[in-house]
Amino acid sequence: MTTIYEFMSKNPFLTFFSLIVLVSGISGIVWMVSSIIGDIFFRLPNRVLRHFSIKKHGWPPLHCDADGDLTEYYDDDEENTEQAGARDCSDKAPRNP
């Protein structure tokens, strides 16, 4: 029976590729475990809180348009409302009465 050192000295290329497979397998397992931990501690609570926020406040929020893009913000100053393309949203009905 041969030892690992004898095998490595007789087959350097096979040893090299075996170590690459071993290292990538271990890093793959580490990545999978960290992904599961990240899902449990970040994504799951994030989605639950997002669900309750949308249920309470509706969709889209006042600072977003229908697909979730941020809309431009304009003050109630006369100089800002006189600019080209400025919108006056004061006459709109609330989205969630």
Protein backbone atom coordinates (compact mmCIF):
# COMPACT_ATOMS: atom_id res chain seq x y z
CA MET A 1 0.00 0.00 0.00
CA THR A 2 1.34 3.43 -0.95
CA THR A 3 1.18 6.57 1.11
CA ILE A 4 -0.20 9.88 -0.06
CA TYR A 5 3.31 11.24 -0.49
CA GLU A 6 4.30 8.40 -2.80
CA PHE A 7 1.14 8.93 -4.86
CA MET A 8 1.87 12.68 -5.07
CA SER A 9 5.45 12.11 -6.19
CA LYS A 10 4.41 9.58 -8.87
CA ASN A 11 1.40 11.58 -10.20
CA PRO A 12 2.01 15.34 -9.86
CA PHE A 13 -0.59 16.38 -12.46
CA LEU A 14 -3.30 14.15 -11.00
CA THR A 15 -2.44 15.48 -7.54
CA PHE A 16 -2.72 19.06 -8.79
CA PHE A 17 -6.16 18.53 -10.36
CA SER A 18 -7.36 16.56 -7.34
CA LEU A 19 -6.41 19.44 -5.06
CA ILE A 20 -8.21 21.93 -7.34
CA VAL A 21 -11.39 19.83 -7.17
CA LEU A 22 -11.01 19.47 -3.40
CA VAL A 23 -10.50 23.21 -2.85
CA SER A 24 -13.38 24.24 -5.12
CA GLY A 25 -15.61 21.69 -3.43
CA ILE A 26 -14.84 23.10 0.00
CA SER A 27 -15.33 26.69 -1.18
CA GLY A 28 -18.60 25.64 -2.80
CA ILE A 29 -19.80 24.20 0.49
CA VAL A 30 -18.70 27.37 2.34
CA TRP A 31 -20.55 29.52 -0.23
CA MET A 32 -23.70 27.42 0.10
CA VAL A 33 -23.69 27.58 3.91
CA SER A 34 -23.08 31.35 3.89
CA SER A 35 -25.87 31.79 1.34
CA ILE A 36 -28.32 29.86 3.51
CA ILE A 37 -27.31 31.86 6.59
CA GLY A 38 -27.69 35.11 4.62
CA ASP A 39 -31.14 34.07 3.44
CA ILE A 40 -32.30 33.18 6.93
CA PHE A 41 -30.98 36.28 8.70
CA PHE A 42 -31.39 38.93 5.97
CA ARG A 43 -33.70 38.07 3.10
CA LEU A 44 -36.46 36.37 5.06
CA PRO A 45 -36.94 39.19 7.63
CA ASN A 46 -36.53 41.75 4.84
CA ARG A 47 -39.35 40.22 2.78
CA VAL A 48 -41.65 39.90 5.82
CA LEU A 49 -41.12 43.55 6.76
CA ARG A 50 -41.53 44.62 3.12
CA HIS A 51 -44.83 42.72 2.94
CA PHE A 52 -46.21 44.45 6.02
CA SER A 53 -44.99 47.85 4.84
CA ILE A 54 -46.66 47.48 1.44
CA LYS A 55 -49.80 46.14 3.09
CA LYS A 56 -49.94 49.15 5.42
CA HIS A 57 -48.88 51.95 3.05
CA GLY A 58 -49.82 50.57 -0.37
CA TRP A 59 -47.86 50.46 -3.57
CA PRO A 60 -46.28 52.51 -5.02
CA PRO A 61 -44.98 54.80 -2.27
CA LEU A 62 -45.53 58.51 -2.78
CA HIS A 63 -41.91 59.08 -3.87
CA CYS A 64 -42.10 56.39 -6.62
CA ASP A 65 -43.99 55.97 -9.85
CA ALA A 66 -45.98 52.83 -10.76
CA ASP A 67 -42.98 50.58 -11.46
CA GLY A 68 -40.97 51.72 -8.44
CA ASP A 69 -38.66 54.29 -10.06
CA LEU A 70 -37.94 57.39 -8.02
CA THR A 71 -39.83 60.47 -9.15
CA GLU A 72 -38.40 63.97 -9.09
CA TYR A 73 -39.05 66.02 -5.99
CA TYR A 74 -40.26 69.59 -6.28
CA ASP A 75 -40.66 72.04 -3.41
CA ASP A 76 -43.66 74.29 -3.13
CA ASP A 77 -41.50 77.29 -3.96
CA GLU A 78 -42.72 79.42 -6.83
CA GLU A 79 -39.34 79.30 -8.53
CA ASN A 80 -39.37 75.50 -8.65
CA THR A 81 -42.96 75.24 -9.90
CA GLU A 82 -42.22 77.72 -12.67
CA GLN A 83 -39.48 75.52 -14.11
CA ALA A 84 -40.20 73.68 -17.31
CA GLY A 85 -41.56 70.23 -16.62
CA ALA A 86 -42.34 70.91 -12.97
CA ARG A 87 -45.42 69.11 -11.71
CA ASP A 88 -47.82 70.29 -9.07
CA CYS A 89 -49.07 67.23 -7.19
CA SER A 90 -51.12 69.13 -4.61
CA ASP A 91 -54.43 68.49 -6.40
CA LYS A 92 -53.99 64.72 -6.59
CA ALA A 93 -56.10 62.53 -4.35
CA PRO A 94 -54.24 60.43 -1.77
CA ARG A 95 -53.40 56.93 -2.97
CA ASN A 96 -54.60 55.18 0.16
CA PRO A 97 -57.47 57.11 1.70
